[in-house]
Amino acid sequence: MPEVIFNGPEGRLEGRYHHNGADDSPIALILHPNPQQGGTMNNKLCFNMFNMFKDRGYSVMRFNFRGVGRSQGVFDQGIGELSDAASALDWMQTYNANARATWVAGYSFGSWIGMQLLMRRPEIDGFISVAAPASEHDFTFLAPCPSSGILIHGTQDTNIPVASVNKLADKLNAQKGIEVDMCAIDGADHYFAKQQDEVIKHSIAYLDKRGA
């Protein structure tokens, strides 16, 4: 899991990257929770998702948004962080020019950034969004949503009510050609302290369903 430093819009960005080595290996980008609430690339769920994609034969990266860890810059309310994510994907594509698939996975704030990245990058084939902040941010930019994916949320999330994510899923599924799975994990709060394995299990099942 070598450390990598790559250029972002506001300076150097710090990441951890696993390179599969196969010429056409798929790629996945993992996006962490809100830096202003302690989110980093070393978040346990992000670490577990990184390993999940690694074990499936992906070249995969998790990285620190600007101002986190050794990444340069300062927090930018999501605007700059979206550009950071695009730079990370650019870097991965440099070393995986023939990738047969591209996935993005995000947790909380990271899922909001990831779903914005979908709109910028038509090569993204699917997404995994955990604890998407549907009650805090406007997701109407997903019109139309360019790729199918899965929303995973806890039924006891007091930060982001599960009803707001159900509503988002219904809205996305009303669009032609898009299928968004909604997975509610019973008893889980926003942090999935005791349900990390369940999040990974549902993510694996979805990737299996998609043949990814």
N, C-alpha and C. Protein backbone atom coordinates (compact mmCIF):
# COMPACT_ATOMS: atom_id res chain seq x y z
N MET A 1 0.84 -1.19 0.00
CA MET A 1 0.00 0.00 0.00
C MET A 1 0.88 1.25 0.00
N PRO A 2 1.61 1.49 -1.09
CA PRO A 2 2.57 2.58 -1.09
C PRO A 2 1.91 3.96 -1.00
N GLU A 3 2.62 4.83 -0.30
CA GLU A 3 2.20 6.23 -0.25
C GLU A 3 2.50 6.88 -1.59
N VAL A 4 1.60 7.73 -2.04
CA VAL A 4 1.84 8.50 -3.27
C VAL A 4 1.57 9.97 -2.98
N ILE A 5 2.30 10.81 -3.65
CA ILE A 5 2.08 12.25 -3.61
C ILE A 5 1.86 12.69 -5.06
N PHE A 6 0.74 13.36 -5.30
CA PHE A 6 0.46 13.81 -6.67
C PHE A 6 -0.02 15.25 -6.64
N ASN A 7 0.01 15.88 -7.79
CA ASN A 7 -0.34 17.29 -7.88
C ASN A 7 -1.85 17.49 -7.91
N GLY A 8 -2.34 18.36 -7.04
CA GLY A 8 -3.73 18.77 -7.05
C GLY A 8 -3.84 20.23 -7.46
N PRO A 9 -5.04 20.78 -7.48
CA PRO A 9 -5.23 22.15 -7.91
C PRO A 9 -4.57 23.18 -6.99
N GLU A 10 -4.40 22.83 -5.70
CA GLU A 10 -3.84 23.77 -4.74
C GLU A 10 -2.53 23.28 -4.14
N GLY A 11 -1.86 22.38 -4.83
CA GLY A 11 -0.59 21.85 -4.33
C GLY A 11 -0.63 20.33 -4.25
N ARG A 12 0.29 19.79 -3.49
CA ARG A 12 0.44 18.34 -3.41
C ARG A 12 -0.70 17.71 -2.61
N LEU A 13 -1.09 16.51 -3.04
CA LEU A 13 -2.10 15.72 -2.34
C LEU A 13 -1.48 14.38 -1.96
N GLU A 14 -1.84 13.91 -0.78
CA GLU A 14 -1.28 12.67 -0.23
C GLU A 14 -2.28 11.53 -0.38
N GLY A 15 -1.81 10.38 -0.84
CA GLY A 15 -2.71 9.25 -0.99
C GLY A 15 -2.04 7.93 -0.68
N ARG A 16 -2.84 6.89 -0.67
CA ARG A 16 -2.36 5.51 -0.59
C ARG A 16 -2.91 4.79 -1.81
N TYR A 17 -2.05 4.09 -2.51
CA TYR A 17 -2.44 3.52 -3.80
C TYR A 17 -1.97 2.08 -3.93
N HIS A 18 -2.86 1.23 -4.38
CA HIS A 18 -2.50 -0.14 -4.74
C HIS A 18 -2.64 -0.30 -6.24
N HIS A 19 -1.56 -0.73 -6.89
CA HIS A 19 -1.59 -0.94 -8.34
C HIS A 19 -1.73 -2.43 -8.63
N ASN A 20 -2.77 -2.79 -9.36
CA ASN A 20 -3.00 -4.20 -9.65
C ASN A 20 -1.97 -4.77 -10.61
N GLY A 21 -1.61 -4.00 -11.61
CA GLY A 21 -0.57 -4.45 -12.55
C GLY A 21 -1.09 -5.04 -13.84
N ALA A 22 -2.31 -5.59 -13.83
CA ALA A 22 -2.88 -6.10 -15.07
C ALA A 22 -3.20 -4.93 -16.00
N ASP A 23 -3.02 -5.16 -17.30
CA ASP A 23 -3.15 -4.05 -18.25
C ASP A 23 -4.54 -3.42 -18.24
N ASP A 24 -5.57 -4.24 -18.02
CA ASP A 24 -6.93 -3.70 -18.09
C ASP A 24 -7.64 -3.74 -16.73
N SER A 25 -6.88 -3.77 -15.63
CA SER A 25 -7.52 -3.86 -14.32
C SER A 25 -8.42 -2.65 -14.09
N PRO A 26 -9.60 -2.86 -13.47
CA PRO A 26 -10.49 -1.74 -13.18
C PRO A 26 -9.89 -0.85 -12.10
N ILE A 27 -10.40 0.36 -11.99
CA ILE A 27 -9.89 1.29 -10.98
C ILE A 27 -11.04 1.77 -10.09
N ALA A 28 -10.68 2.10 -8.85
CA ALA A 28 -11.65 2.61 -7.89
C ALA A 28 -11.01 3.72 -7.07
N LEU A 29 -11.80 4.75 -6.79
CA LEU A 29 -11.37 5.89 -5.99
C LEU A 29 -12.24 5.96 -4.74
N ILE A 30 -11.60 6.07 -3.56
CA ILE A 30 -12.31 6.11 -2.28
C ILE A 30 -12.22 7.52 -1.70
N LEU A 31 -13.37 8.09 -1.32
CA LEU A 31 -13.42 9.48 -0.84
C LEU A 31 -13.89 9.54 0.61
N HIS A 32 -13.15 10.25 1.43
CA HIS A 32 -13.36 10.22 2.88
C HIS A 32 -14.37 11.25 3.39
N PRO A 33 -14.79 11.11 4.66
CA PRO A 33 -15.78 12.02 5.24
C PRO A 33 -15.25 13.45 5.43
N ASN A 34 -16.11 14.30 5.94
CA ASN A 34 -15.85 15.73 6.08
C ASN A 34 -14.58 16.00 6.90
N PRO A 35 -13.60 16.69 6.31
CA PRO A 35 -12.37 17.00 7.05
C PRO A 35 -12.63 17.84 8.29
N GLN A 36 -13.66 18.68 8.26
CA GLN A 36 -13.94 19.54 9.40
C GLN A 36 -14.54 18.78 10.57
N GLN A 37 -14.86 17.53 10.32
CA GLN A 37 -15.37 16.67 11.40
C GLN A 37 -14.42 15.49 11.64
N GLY A 38 -13.16 15.69 11.26
CA GLY A 38 -12.14 14.68 11.53
C GLY A 38 -11.96 13.64 10.44
N GLY A 39 -12.62 13.80 9.31
CA GLY A 39 -12.52 12.82 8.23
C GLY A 39 -11.15 12.82 7.56
N THR A 40 -10.59 11.64 7.38
CA THR A 40 -9.32 11.48 6.66
C THR A 40 -9.39 10.19 5.84
N MET A 41 -8.37 9.98 5.01
CA MET A 41 -8.31 8.76 4.21
C MET A 41 -8.11 7.52 5.07
N ASN A 42 -7.72 7.72 6.34
CA ASN A 42 -7.51 6.59 7.25
C ASN A 42 -8.76 6.21 8.02
N ASN A 43 -9.89 6.85 7.70
CA ASN A 43 -11.16 6.44 8.27
C ASN A 43 -11.32 4.93 8.08
N LYS A 44 -11.81 4.25 9.12
CA LYS A 44 -11.85 2.79 9.09
C LYS A 44 -12.67 2.25 7.93
N LEU A 45 -13.82 2.87 7.66
CA LEU A 45 -14.66 2.39 6.57
C LEU A 45 -13.98 2.60 5.22
N CYS A 46 -13.33 3.74 5.05
CA CYS A 46 -12.60 3.99 3.80
C CYS A 46 -11.47 2.98 3.63
N PHE A 47 -10.78 2.67 4.72
CA PHE A 47 -9.71 1.67 4.69
C PHE A 47 -10.27 0.31 4.28
N ASN A 48 -11.42 -0.06 4.86
CA ASN A 48 -12.02 -1.35 4.54
C ASN A 48 -12.51 -1.41 3.09
N MET A 49 -13.04 -0.30 2.59
CA MET A 49 -13.48 -0.28 1.19
C MET A 49 -12.29 -0.35 0.24
N PHE A 50 -11.21 0.30 0.62
CA PHE A 50 -9.97 0.22 -0.15
C PHE A 50 -9.54 -1.25 -0.30
N ASN A 51 -9.53 -1.96 0.82
CA ASN A 51 -9.10 -3.36 0.79
C ASN A 51 -10.10 -4.24 0.03
N MET A 52 -11.37 -3.89 0.11
CA MET A 52 -12.39 -4.65 -0.63
C MET A 52 -12.11 -4.59 -2.14
N PHE A 53 -11.86 -3.38 -2.65
CA PHE A 53 -11.57 -3.23 -4.08
C PHE A 53 -10.23 -3.88 -4.44
N LYS A 54 -9.26 -3.73 -3.56
CA LYS A 54 -7.95 -4.35 -3.79
C LYS A 54 -8.10 -5.86 -3.95
N ASP A 55 -8.88 -6.47 -3.05
CA ASP A 55 -9.07 -7.92 -3.08
C ASP A 55 -9.84 -8.39 -4.32
N ARG A 56 -10.55 -7.47 -4.96
CA ARG A 56 -11.30 -7.82 -6.18
C ARG A 56 -10.48 -7.60 -7.45
N GLY A 57 -9.23 -7.21 -7.29
CA GLY A 57 -8.37 -7.05 -8.46
C GLY A 57 -8.35 -5.65 -9.04
N TYR A 58 -8.78 -4.68 -8.25
CA TYR A 58 -8.78 -3.29 -8.71
C TYR A 58 -7.44 -2.61 -8.40
N SER A 59 -7.07 -1.65 -9.22
CA SER A 59 -6.12 -0.63 -8.81
C SER A 59 -6.95 0.40 -8.05
N VAL A 60 -6.56 0.73 -6.83
CA VAL A 60 -7.44 1.54 -5.98
C VAL A 60 -6.64 2.58 -5.20
N MET A 61 -7.26 3.75 -5.01
CA MET A 61 -6.64 4.83 -4.26
C MET A 61 -7.60 5.39 -3.23
N ARG A 62 -7.05 5.72 -2.06
CA ARG A 62 -7.72 6.62 -1.14
C ARG A 62 -6.75 7.77 -0.90
N PHE A 63 -7.25 8.97 -0.69
CA PHE A 63 -6.34 10.10 -0.53
C PHE A 63 -6.95 11.13 0.41
N ASN A 64 -6.11 12.02 0.91
CA ASN A 64 -6.57 13.11 1.77
C ASN A 64 -6.92 14.33 0.94
N PHE A 65 -8.13 14.84 1.15
CA PHE A 65 -8.51 16.10 0.53
C PHE A 65 -7.57 17.21 1.01
N ARG A 66 -7.58 18.32 0.31
CA ARG A 66 -6.75 19.48 0.63
C ARG A 66 -6.85 19.85 2.12
N GLY A 67 -5.70 20.16 2.71
CA GLY A 67 -5.67 20.59 4.10
C GLY A 67 -5.72 19.46 5.12
N VAL A 68 -5.74 18.21 4.66
CA VAL A 68 -5.81 17.06 5.56
C VAL A 68 -4.48 16.30 5.49
N GLY A 69 -3.94 15.94 6.65
CA GLY A 69 -2.67 15.22 6.66
C GLY A 69 -1.58 16.02 5.96
N ARG A 70 -0.95 15.40 5.00
CA ARG A 70 0.13 16.07 4.26
C ARG A 70 -0.35 16.70 2.96
N SER A 71 -1.66 16.74 2.75
CA SER A 71 -2.20 17.39 1.54
C SER A 71 -2.23 18.91 1.74
N GLN A 72 -1.76 19.61 0.74
CA GLN A 72 -1.68 21.07 0.83
C GLN A 72 -3.04 21.72 0.53
N GLY A 73 -3.17 22.99 0.96
CA GLY A 73 -4.40 23.73 0.71
C GLY A 73 -5.25 23.83 1.97
N VAL A 74 -6.43 24.42 1.82
CA VAL A 74 -7.36 24.58 2.94
C VAL A 74 -8.76 24.13 2.50
N PHE A 75 -9.56 23.75 3.47
CA PHE A 75 -10.91 23.27 3.20
C PHE A 75 -11.68 24.27 2.34
N ASP A 76 -12.45 23.77 1.37
CA ASP A 76 -13.10 24.64 0.39
C ASP A 76 -14.59 24.31 0.20
N GLN A 77 -15.23 23.84 1.26
CA GLN A 77 -16.68 23.63 1.26
C GLN A 77 -17.18 22.66 0.19
N GLY A 78 -16.28 21.84 -0.32
CA GLY A 78 -16.67 20.85 -1.32
C GLY A 78 -16.31 21.23 -2.74
N ILE A 79 -16.16 22.50 -3.00
CA ILE A 79 -15.85 22.95 -4.37
C ILE A 79 -14.45 22.51 -4.77
N GLY A 80 -13.47 22.87 -3.94
CA GLY A 80 -12.10 22.47 -4.21
C GLY A 80 -11.89 20.97 -4.06
N GLU A 81 -12.63 20.38 -3.11
CA GLU A 81 -12.50 18.94 -2.88
C GLU A 81 -12.94 18.13 -4.09
N LEU A 82 -13.92 18.64 -4.83
CA LEU A 82 -14.34 17.99 -6.07
C LEU A 82 -13.20 18.03 -7.09
N SER A 83 -12.52 19.16 -7.16
CA SER A 83 -11.36 19.26 -8.06
C SER A 83 -10.23 18.34 -7.62
N ASP A 84 -10.07 18.19 -6.30
CA ASP A 84 -9.06 17.25 -5.78
C ASP A 84 -9.37 15.83 -6.26
N ALA A 85 -10.65 15.44 -6.14
CA ALA A 85 -11.06 14.09 -6.56
C ALA A 85 -10.82 13.88 -8.05
N ALA A 86 -11.09 14.91 -8.84
CA ALA A 86 -10.85 14.81 -10.28
C ALA A 86 -9.36 14.65 -10.57
N SER A 87 -8.52 15.34 -9.80
CA SER A 87 -7.07 15.21 -9.97
C SER A 87 -6.60 13.81 -9.59
N ALA A 88 -7.19 13.23 -8.55
CA ALA A 88 -6.84 11.87 -8.14
C ALA A 88 -7.20 10.88 -9.23
N LEU A 89 -8.37 11.06 -9.82
CA LEU A 89 -8.79 10.17 -10.90
C LEU A 89 -7.88 10.33 -12.12
N ASP A 90 -7.52 11.56 -12.42
CA ASP A 90 -6.56 11.81 -13.52
C ASP A 90 -5.26 11.04 -13.28
N TRP A 91 -4.74 11.12 -12.06
CA TRP A 91 -3.49 10.46 -11.73
C TRP A 91 -3.62 8.95 -11.91
N MET A 92 -4.72 8.38 -11.43
CA MET A 92 -4.92 6.94 -11.57
C MET A 92 -5.01 6.53 -13.04
N GLN A 93 -5.67 7.34 -13.84
CA GLN A 93 -5.84 7.01 -15.25
C GLN A 93 -4.51 7.07 -16.01
N THR A 94 -3.59 7.89 -15.54
CA THR A 94 -2.27 7.94 -16.14
C THR A 94 -1.58 6.58 -16.07
N TYR A 95 -1.81 5.87 -14.95
CA TYR A 95 -1.15 4.57 -14.74
C TYR A 95 -2.06 3.39 -15.08
N ASN A 96 -3.28 3.69 -15.48
CA ASN A 96 -4.24 2.64 -15.83
C ASN A 96 -5.03 3.05 -17.07
N ALA A 97 -4.28 3.33 -18.14
CA ALA A 97 -4.89 3.89 -19.35
C ALA A 97 -5.91 2.95 -19.98
N ASN A 98 -5.79 1.65 -19.73
CA ASN A 98 -6.69 0.68 -20.36
C ASN A 98 -7.68 0.05 -19.38
N ALA A 99 -7.93 0.76 -18.27
CA ALA A 99 -8.84 0.23 -17.25
C ALA A 99 -10.19 -0.11 -17.88
N ARG A 100 -10.68 -1.32 -17.57
CA ARG A 100 -11.94 -1.74 -18.18
C ARG A 100 -13.17 -1.20 -17.46
N ALA A 101 -12.97 -0.63 -16.27
CA ALA A 101 -14.09 -0.06 -15.51
C ALA A 101 -13.56 0.95 -14.51
N THR A 102 -14.41 1.90 -14.15
CA THR A 102 -14.06 2.93 -13.18
C THR A 102 -15.19 3.07 -12.17
N TRP A 103 -14.84 2.98 -10.88
CA TRP A 103 -15.81 3.10 -9.80
C TRP A 103 -15.37 4.16 -8.81
N VAL A 104 -16.36 4.78 -8.17
CA VAL A 104 -16.07 5.73 -7.10
C VAL A 104 -16.90 5.33 -5.89
N ALA A 105 -16.26 5.35 -4.72
CA ALA A 105 -16.95 5.02 -3.47
C ALA A 105 -16.67 6.13 -2.47
N GLY A 106 -17.72 6.61 -1.82
CA GLY A 106 -17.54 7.69 -0.85
C GLY A 106 -18.37 7.47 0.40
N TYR A 107 -17.91 8.05 1.48
CA TYR A 107 -18.58 7.94 2.77
C TYR A 107 -18.93 9.34 3.25
N SER A 108 -20.23 9.57 3.51
CA SER A 108 -20.74 10.84 4.02
C SER A 108 -20.35 11.99 3.07
N PHE A 109 -19.60 12.98 3.53
CA PHE A 109 -19.14 14.07 2.68
C PHE A 109 -18.50 13.52 1.40
N GLY A 110 -17.73 12.45 1.55
CA GLY A 110 -17.07 11.85 0.39
C GLY A 110 -18.05 11.31 -0.63
N SER A 111 -19.22 10.85 -0.17
CA SER A 111 -20.21 10.35 -1.13
C SER A 111 -20.82 11.51 -1.92
N TRP A 112 -20.99 12.66 -1.26
CA TRP A 112 -21.50 13.85 -1.96
C TRP A 112 -20.50 14.30 -3.03
N ILE A 113 -19.22 14.30 -2.68
CA ILE A 113 -18.19 14.65 -3.67
C ILE A 113 -18.18 13.62 -4.80
N GLY A 114 -18.26 12.34 -4.45
CA GLY A 114 -18.23 11.29 -5.45
C GLY A 114 -19.37 11.37 -6.44
N MET A 115 -20.56 11.71 -5.96
CA MET A 115 -21.71 11.79 -6.87
C MET A 115 -21.64 13.03 -7.75
N GLN A 116 -20.96 14.08 -7.27
CA GLN A 116 -20.70 15.22 -8.15
C GLN A 116 -19.67 14.83 -9.22
N LEU A 117 -18.70 14.01 -8.82
CA LEU A 117 -17.68 13.58 -9.78
C LEU A 117 -18.30 12.78 -10.92
N LEU A 118 -19.37 12.04 -10.63
CA LEU A 118 -20.09 11.30 -11.68
C LEU A 118 -20.49 12.23 -12.83
N MET A 119 -20.92 13.43 -12.46
CA MET A 119 -21.42 14.37 -13.47
C MET A 119 -20.29 14.93 -14.33
N ARG A 120 -19.10 14.95 -13.79
CA ARG A 120 -17.95 15.47 -14.51
C ARG A 120 -17.29 14.41 -15.40
N ARG A 121 -17.40 13.15 -14.96
CA ARG A 121 -16.60 12.11 -15.58
C ARG A 121 -17.47 10.97 -16.10
N PRO A 122 -17.84 11.02 -17.37
CA PRO A 122 -18.73 10.02 -17.94
C PRO A 122 -18.15 8.61 -17.96
N GLU A 123 -16.83 8.48 -17.73
CA GLU A 123 -16.23 7.15 -17.75
C GLU A 123 -16.51 6.38 -16.45
N ILE A 124 -17.08 7.02 -15.44
CA ILE A 124 -17.39 6.31 -14.19
C ILE A 124 -18.59 5.39 -14.42
N ASP A 125 -18.38 4.10 -14.14
CA ASP A 125 -19.40 3.08 -14.43
C ASP A 125 -20.36 2.84 -13.28
N GLY A 126 -19.92 3.12 -12.06
CA GLY A 126 -20.79 2.84 -10.93
C GLY A 126 -20.29 3.52 -9.67
N PHE A 127 -21.17 3.59 -8.67
CA PHE A 127 -20.80 4.25 -7.43
C PHE A 127 -21.34 3.49 -6.23
N ILE A 128 -20.64 3.65 -5.12
CA ILE A 128 -21.09 3.19 -3.81
C ILE A 128 -21.09 4.41 -2.90
N SER A 129 -22.26 4.81 -2.43
CA SER A 129 -22.37 5.98 -1.58
C SER A 129 -22.91 5.56 -0.22
N VAL A 130 -22.08 5.72 0.80
CA VAL A 130 -22.43 5.34 2.17
C VAL A 130 -22.75 6.60 2.97
N ALA A 131 -23.91 6.59 3.62
CA ALA A 131 -24.34 7.73 4.45
C ALA A 131 -24.35 9.04 3.66
N ALA A 132 -24.91 8.99 2.46
CA ALA A 132 -24.99 10.19 1.62
C ALA A 132 -25.74 11.30 2.35
N PRO A 133 -25.19 12.51 2.43
CA PRO A 133 -25.82 13.59 3.20
C PRO A 133 -26.97 14.26 2.45
N ALA A 134 -28.01 13.46 2.20
CA ALA A 134 -29.12 13.93 1.36
C ALA A 134 -29.95 15.02 2.02
N SER A 135 -29.91 15.11 3.36
CA SER A 135 -30.68 16.16 4.04
C SER A 135 -29.86 17.43 4.24
N GLU A 136 -28.57 17.37 3.94
CA GLU A 136 -27.69 18.53 4.14
C GLU A 136 -27.30 19.21 2.84
N HIS A 137 -27.29 18.45 1.75
CA HIS A 137 -26.84 19.00 0.47
C HIS A 137 -27.89 18.74 -0.61
N ASP A 138 -27.88 19.60 -1.59
CA ASP A 138 -28.80 19.49 -2.71
C ASP A 138 -28.22 18.52 -3.74
N PHE A 139 -28.94 17.45 -4.03
CA PHE A 139 -28.47 16.46 -4.99
C PHE A 139 -29.20 16.58 -6.34
N THR A 140 -29.84 17.72 -6.57
CA THR A 140 -30.57 17.88 -7.83
C THR A 140 -29.63 17.97 -9.04
N PHE A 141 -28.31 18.10 -8.78
CA PHE A 141 -27.35 18.10 -9.89
C PHE A 141 -27.36 16.77 -10.62
N LEU A 142 -27.89 15.73 -9.99
CA LEU A 142 -27.95 14.40 -10.62
C LEU A 142 -29.15 14.33 -11.56
N ALA A 143 -29.12 15.16 -12.57
CA ALA A 143 -30.26 15.25 -13.48
C ALA A 143 -29.75 15.39 -14.93
N PRO A 144 -29.64 14.28 -15.64
CA PRO A 144 -29.88 12.92 -15.14
C PRO A 144 -28.65 12.36 -14.45
N CYS A 145 -28.87 11.35 -13.61
CA CYS A 145 -27.75 10.63 -12.99
C CYS A 145 -27.08 9.79 -14.07
N PRO A 146 -25.78 9.94 -14.27
CA PRO A 146 -25.12 9.30 -15.42
C PRO A 146 -24.79 7.82 -15.24
N SER A 147 -24.85 7.29 -14.03
CA SER A 147 -24.52 5.87 -13.86
C SER A 147 -25.27 5.30 -12.66
N SER A 148 -25.41 3.99 -12.66
CA SER A 148 -26.12 3.31 -11.59
C SER A 148 -25.19 3.05 -10.41
N GLY A 149 -25.79 2.83 -9.24
CA GLY A 149 -24.98 2.59 -8.05
C GLY A 149 -25.83 2.14 -6.89
N ILE A 150 -25.24 2.17 -5.70
CA ILE A 150 -25.93 1.76 -4.48
C ILE A 150 -25.77 2.83 -3.41
N LEU A 151 -26.85 3.09 -2.70
CA LEU A 151 -26.86 3.96 -1.53
C LEU A 151 -26.98 3.05 -0.30
N ILE A 152 -26.07 3.19 0.65
CA ILE A 152 -26.09 2.41 1.88
C ILE A 152 -26.25 3.37 3.05
N HIS A 153 -27.22 3.09 3.91
CA HIS A 153 -27.51 4.04 4.99
C HIS A 153 -27.96 3.30 6.23
N GLY A 154 -27.74 3.90 7.38
CA GLY A 154 -28.18 3.31 8.64
C GLY A 154 -29.59 3.76 9.02
N THR A 155 -30.38 2.84 9.52
CA THR A 155 -31.76 3.18 9.90
C THR A 155 -31.80 4.10 11.13
N GLN A 156 -30.72 4.10 11.92
CA GLN A 156 -30.67 4.93 13.13
C GLN A 156 -29.72 6.12 12.97
N ASP A 157 -29.53 6.56 11.74
CA ASP A 157 -28.66 7.72 11.48
C ASP A 157 -29.39 8.98 11.92
N THR A 158 -28.93 9.61 13.00
CA THR A 158 -29.56 10.85 13.48
C THR A 158 -28.95 12.08 12.82
N ASN A 159 -27.82 11.92 12.13
CA ASN A 159 -27.23 13.03 11.39
C ASN A 159 -27.98 13.26 10.07
N ILE A 160 -28.20 12.18 9.36
CA ILE A 160 -28.88 12.22 8.06
C ILE A 160 -30.03 11.21 8.12
N PRO A 161 -31.26 11.67 8.24
CA PRO A 161 -32.40 10.73 8.33
C PRO A 161 -32.47 9.82 7.12
N VAL A 162 -32.70 8.54 7.36
CA VAL A 162 -32.76 7.57 6.28
C VAL A 162 -33.86 7.93 5.28
N ALA A 163 -34.92 8.60 5.74
CA ALA A 163 -36.02 8.98 4.84
C ALA A 163 -35.53 9.90 3.73
N SER A 164 -34.55 10.75 4.03
CA SER A 164 -34.04 11.67 2.99
C SER A 164 -33.28 10.91 1.92
N VAL A 165 -32.63 9.81 2.30
CA VAL A 165 -31.88 9.02 1.33
C VAL A 165 -32.84 8.13 0.53
N ASN A 166 -33.87 7.63 1.18
CA ASN A 166 -34.91 6.89 0.45
C ASN A 166 -35.53 7.77 -0.63
N LYS A 167 -35.77 9.02 -0.27
CA LYS A 167 -36.36 9.97 -1.23
C LYS A 167 -35.41 10.20 -2.41
N LEU A 168 -34.12 10.32 -2.12
CA LEU A 168 -33.13 10.50 -3.19
C LEU A 168 -33.11 9.28 -4.10
N ALA A 169 -33.13 8.09 -3.49
CA ALA A 169 -33.11 6.85 -4.29
C ALA A 169 -34.33 6.78 -5.20
N ASP A 170 -35.50 7.12 -4.67
CA ASP A 170 -36.73 7.09 -5.47
C ASP A 170 -36.63 8.07 -6.64
N LYS A 171 -36.09 9.24 -6.36
CA LYS A 171 -35.96 10.26 -7.41
C LYS A 171 -35.02 9.80 -8.52
N LEU A 172 -33.91 9.19 -8.13
CA LEU A 172 -32.95 8.72 -9.13
C LEU A 172 -33.51 7.56 -9.93
N ASN A 173 -34.24 6.68 -9.26
CA ASN A 173 -34.81 5.53 -9.95
C ASN A 173 -35.94 5.90 -10.90
N ALA A 174 -36.44 7.10 -10.78
CA ALA A 174 -37.48 7.57 -11.71
C ALA A 174 -36.87 7.96 -13.05
N GLN A 175 -35.55 8.06 -13.11
CA GLN A 175 -34.87 8.43 -14.35
C GLN A 175 -34.70 7.20 -15.24
N LYS A 176 -34.80 7.42 -16.52
CA LYS A 176 -34.66 6.33 -17.49
C LYS A 176 -33.25 5.77 -17.52
N GLY A 177 -33.16 4.45 -17.54
CA GLY A 177 -31.88 3.80 -17.74
C GLY A 177 -30.97 3.76 -16.52
N ILE A 178 -31.48 4.22 -15.38
CA ILE A 178 -30.67 4.24 -14.16
C ILE A 178 -31.33 3.37 -13.11
N GLU A 179 -30.53 2.56 -12.46
CA GLU A 179 -31.04 1.74 -11.36
C GLU A 179 -30.16 1.95 -10.14
N VAL A 180 -30.75 2.52 -9.09
CA VAL A 180 -30.02 2.79 -7.86
C VAL A 180 -30.59 1.90 -6.76
N ASP A 181 -29.75 1.04 -6.21
CA ASP A 181 -30.18 0.19 -5.10
C ASP A 181 -30.13 0.99 -3.81
N MET A 182 -31.10 0.76 -2.94
CA MET A 182 -31.12 1.39 -1.63
C MET A 182 -31.01 0.31 -0.58
N CYS A 183 -29.98 0.38 0.24
CA CYS A 183 -29.74 -0.62 1.28
C CYS A 183 -29.75 0.08 2.64
N ALA A 184 -30.74 -0.22 3.45
CA ALA A 184 -30.83 0.33 4.81
C ALA A 184 -30.34 -0.72 5.79
N ILE A 185 -29.31 -0.39 6.55
CA ILE A 185 -28.74 -1.33 7.52
C ILE A 185 -29.39 -1.09 8.88
N ASP A 186 -30.09 -2.09 9.32
CA ASP A 186 -30.90 -1.97 10.54
C ASP A 186 -30.01 -1.71 11.76
N GLY A 187 -30.37 -0.67 12.51
CA GLY A 187 -29.68 -0.36 13.76
C GLY A 187 -28.42 0.46 13.62
N ALA A 188 -27.97 0.71 12.40
CA ALA A 188 -26.73 1.45 12.19
C ALA A 188 -26.95 2.95 12.30
N ASP A 189 -25.99 3.65 12.93
CA ASP A 189 -26.05 5.10 12.95
C ASP A 189 -25.13 5.64 11.84
N HIS A 190 -24.79 6.92 11.92
CA HIS A 190 -24.00 7.54 10.86
C HIS A 190 -22.58 6.96 10.76
N TYR A 191 -22.12 6.34 11.84
CA TYR A 191 -20.72 5.93 11.91
C TYR A 191 -20.52 4.43 11.72
N PHE A 192 -21.58 3.66 11.70
CA PHE A 192 -21.50 2.22 11.43
C PHE A 192 -20.47 1.53 12.34
N ALA A 193 -20.44 1.94 13.61
CA ALA A 193 -19.41 1.44 14.53
C ALA A 193 -19.43 -0.08 14.63
N LYS A 194 -20.61 -0.67 14.64
CA LYS A 194 -20.72 -2.12 14.78
C LYS A 194 -21.17 -2.81 13.48
N GLN A 195 -21.27 -2.02 12.41
CA GLN A 195 -21.81 -2.57 11.16
C GLN A 195 -20.86 -2.40 9.97
N GLN A 196 -19.56 -2.22 10.25
CA GLN A 196 -18.60 -2.07 9.15
C GLN A 196 -18.64 -3.28 8.22
N ASP A 197 -18.69 -4.47 8.81
CA ASP A 197 -18.70 -5.69 8.00
C ASP A 197 -19.95 -5.75 7.13
N GLU A 198 -21.08 -5.26 7.65
CA GLU A 198 -22.31 -5.28 6.86
C GLU A 198 -22.21 -4.35 5.66
N VAL A 199 -21.61 -3.18 5.86
CA VAL A 199 -21.42 -2.25 4.74
C VAL A 199 -20.60 -2.92 3.64
N ILE A 200 -19.52 -3.58 4.03
CA ILE A 200 -18.66 -4.24 3.05
C ILE A 200 -19.40 -5.41 2.40
N LYS A 201 -20.14 -6.15 3.18
CA LYS A 201 -20.89 -7.29 2.64
C LYS A 201 -21.89 -6.83 1.58
N HIS A 202 -22.63 -5.76 1.86
CA HIS A 202 -23.60 -5.25 0.88
C HIS A 202 -22.90 -4.65 -0.34
N SER A 203 -21.75 -4.03 -0.12
CA SER A 203 -20.99 -3.49 -1.25
C SER A 203 -20.50 -4.61 -2.16
N ILE A 204 -20.00 -5.68 -1.57
CA ILE A 204 -19.53 -6.83 -2.35
C ILE A 204 -20.69 -7.45 -3.13
N ALA A 205 -21.83 -7.59 -2.48
CA ALA A 205 -23.00 -8.18 -3.15
C ALA A 205 -23.42 -7.32 -4.34
N TYR A 206 -23.33 -6.00 -4.17
CA TYR A 206 -23.71 -5.12 -5.28
C TYR A 206 -22.71 -5.23 -6.43
N LEU A 207 -21.42 -5.25 -6.11
CA LEU A 207 -20.41 -5.39 -7.15
C LEU A 207 -20.57 -6.72 -7.88
N ASP A 208 -20.89 -7.78 -7.13
CA ASP A 208 -21.15 -9.08 -7.75
C ASP A 208 -22.34 -8.98 -8.72
N LYS A 209 -23.38 -8.32 -8.28
CA LYS A 209 -24.58 -8.15 -9.11
C LYS A 209 -24.25 -7.42 -10.41
N ARG A 210 -23.35 -6.45 -10.33
CA ARG A 210 -22.97 -5.68 -11.50
C ARG A 210 -21.87 -6.36 -12.32
N GLY A 211 -21.35 -7.47 -11.84
CA GLY A 211 -20.25 -8.12 -12.54
C GLY A 211 -18.98 -7.31 -12.50
N ALA A 212 -18.84 -6.57 -11.39
CA ALA A 212 -17.69 -5.68 -11.25
C ALA A 212 -16.71 -6.22 -10.22
